[in-house]
Protein backbone atom coordinates (compact mmCIF):
# COMPACT_ATOMS: atom_id res chain seq x y z
CA MET A 1 39.33 30.24 19.80
CA GLY A 2 41.81 32.73 18.49
CA ILE A 3 41.68 36.61 18.35
CA LEU A 4 40.01 36.49 14.93
CA GLY A 5 37.06 34.49 16.31
CA VAL A 6 36.74 36.70 19.34
CA ALA A 7 36.90 39.90 17.24
CA VAL A 8 34.25 38.65 14.76
CA LEU A 9 31.88 37.45 17.60
CA SER A 10 32.38 40.83 19.40
CA VAL A 11 31.56 42.89 16.37
CA ALA A 12 28.52 40.70 15.59
CA GLY A 13 27.29 40.93 19.13
CA VAL A 14 27.68 44.68 19.21
CA LEU A 15 25.81 45.05 15.94
CA LEU A 16 23.03 42.87 17.39
CA ALA A 17 22.93 44.82 20.61
CA ILE A 18 22.62 48.08 18.54
CA GLN A 19 19.44 46.73 16.97
CA PHE A 20 17.84 46.60 20.41
CA LYS A 21 19.19 49.97 21.61
CA ASN A 22 16.06 52.04 20.67
CA GLY A 23 13.33 49.51 21.57
CA LYS A 24 14.30 47.24 24.36
CA SER A 25 17.68 48.48 25.63
CA GLU A 26 17.88 45.81 28.33
CA TYR A 27 18.34 43.17 25.74
CA GLY A 28 21.44 44.97 24.70
CA VAL A 29 22.79 44.67 28.20
CA TYR A 30 21.96 40.93 28.24
CA ILE A 31 23.72 40.36 24.84
CA SER A 32 26.69 42.27 26.24
CA LEU A 33 26.72 40.14 29.25
CA ALA A 34 26.51 36.89 27.33
CA LEU A 35 29.31 37.95 24.95
CA SER A 36 31.49 38.98 27.84
CA LEU A 37 31.08 35.76 29.60
CA PHE A 38 31.81 33.80 26.35
CA ILE A 39 34.98 35.87 25.85
CA PHE A 40 35.96 35.38 29.36
CA ALA A 41 35.70 31.58 28.94
CA ALA A 42 37.97 31.98 25.85
CA VAL A 43 40.45 33.84 28.06
CA LEU A 44 40.33 31.13 30.66
CA SER A 45 41.20 28.52 28.00
CA GLN A 46 44.28 30.61 27.19
CA LEU A 47 45.24 30.87 30.76
CA LYS A 48 45.85 27.23 30.85
CA VAL A 49 48.72 27.80 28.35
CA MET A 50 50.11 30.53 30.72
CA LEU A 51 49.96 28.11 33.66
CA GLN A 52 51.86 25.47 31.72
CA ALA A 53 54.45 28.15 30.79
CA PHE A 54 54.84 29.03 34.46
CA ARG A 55 55.32 25.43 35.43
CA SER A 56 58.00 24.98 32.82
CA ILE A 57 59.80 28.10 33.75
CA SER A 58 59.70 27.05 37.50
CA ALA A 59 61.31 23.80 36.42
CA TYR A 60 64.36 25.59 35.01
CA ILE A 61 64.62 28.31 37.65
CA GLU A 62 64.23 27.76 41.39
CA VAL A 63 61.34 30.01 42.22
CA ASP A 64 59.23 29.63 45.31
CA LYS A 65 55.85 28.15 44.29
CA GLY A 66 54.21 30.75 46.55
CA PHE A 67 55.32 33.49 44.38
CA LEU A 68 53.82 31.85 41.25
CA GLU A 69 50.53 31.26 43.11
CA VAL A 70 50.39 34.97 44.11
CA LEU A 71 51.08 35.92 40.53
CA ILE A 72 48.32 33.63 39.24
CA LYS A 73 45.92 35.01 41.83
CA MET A 74 46.75 38.62 40.85
CA VAL A 75 45.97 37.77 37.26
CA GLY A 76 42.68 36.20 38.21
CA ILE A 77 41.65 39.13 40.48
CA THR A 78 42.59 41.52 37.60
CA TYR A 79 40.38 39.71 35.09
CA MET A 80 37.45 39.28 37.45
CA SER A 81 37.45 42.93 38.52
CA GLU A 82 37.74 44.18 34.94
CA LEU A 83 34.88 41.85 33.93
CA ALA A 84 32.68 42.97 36.74
CA SER A 85 33.52 46.64 36.25
CA GLY A 86 32.75 46.35 32.54
CA PHE A 87 29.32 44.85 33.34
CA CYS A 88 28.58 47.64 35.67
CA LYS A 89 29.70 50.27 33.15
CA ASP A 90 27.59 48.66 30.41
CA ALA A 91 24.48 48.74 32.75
CA GLY A 92 25.15 52.39 33.43
CA TYR A 93 26.49 52.12 37.07
CA GLN A 94 29.80 53.97 36.78
CA ALA A 95 30.13 54.52 40.52
CA ILE A 96 29.84 50.75 41.38
CA ALA A 97 32.28 49.99 38.53
CA THR A 98 34.79 52.34 40.03
CA GLN A 99 34.39 50.74 43.49
CA VAL A 100 34.88 47.22 41.93
CA GLU A 101 38.08 48.39 40.28
CA MET A 102 39.28 50.00 43.47
CA PHE A 103 38.53 46.82 45.51
CA GLY A 104 40.49 44.76 42.92
CA LYS A 105 43.51 47.03 43.16
CA VAL A 106 43.51 46.94 46.96
CA LEU A 107 43.21 43.18 46.90
CA ILE A 108 46.21 42.97 44.55
CA LEU A 109 48.15 45.29 46.83
CA ILE A 110 47.40 43.08 49.82
CA LEU A 111 48.47 39.97 47.89
CA SER A 112 51.74 41.63 46.89
CA LEU A 113 52.83 42.46 50.40
CA PRO A 114 54.48 39.14 51.16
CA VAL A 115 56.37 39.24 47.78
CA LEU A 116 57.50 42.81 48.71
CA SER A 117 58.63 41.78 52.09
CA ALA A 118 60.69 38.83 50.59
CA LEU A 119 62.25 41.30 48.06
CA LEU A 120 63.17 43.72 50.77
CA SER A 121 64.71 41.04 53.00
CA THR A 122 66.71 39.83 49.98
CA ILE A 123 68.01 43.32 49.31
CA ARG A 124 68.88 43.72 53.02
CA GLU A 125 71.01 40.53 52.84
CA PHE A 126 73.15 42.11 50.04
CA LEU A 127 73.65 45.38 51.92
CA PRO A 128 76.69 45.67 54.25
């Protein structure tokens, strides 16, 4: 599904959720959740293309596979924390959404430490 399909589906879902806003507002949250999961599935299908691109790039350039794995994990953590944060915000729990975002950022920072260490050791080798 391309961006046009996602955009049309999103607008249709929002218009449907608005219809329930005055009466049964919890249905709007359920519609939002269902749409978000569907769009997330569309994003996952596009991530396969990104993984194939990473594999083809790593075939041309000698890159440690561990670095690519860390990069892919970081992308996954980013998407998952944004998705969960968005759910919390839609449900009206801003404080929990902020905590989810912060946890995602800390987890990405922890994942990046080995990459930063390798970068610093490479820089140290070039210094006299």
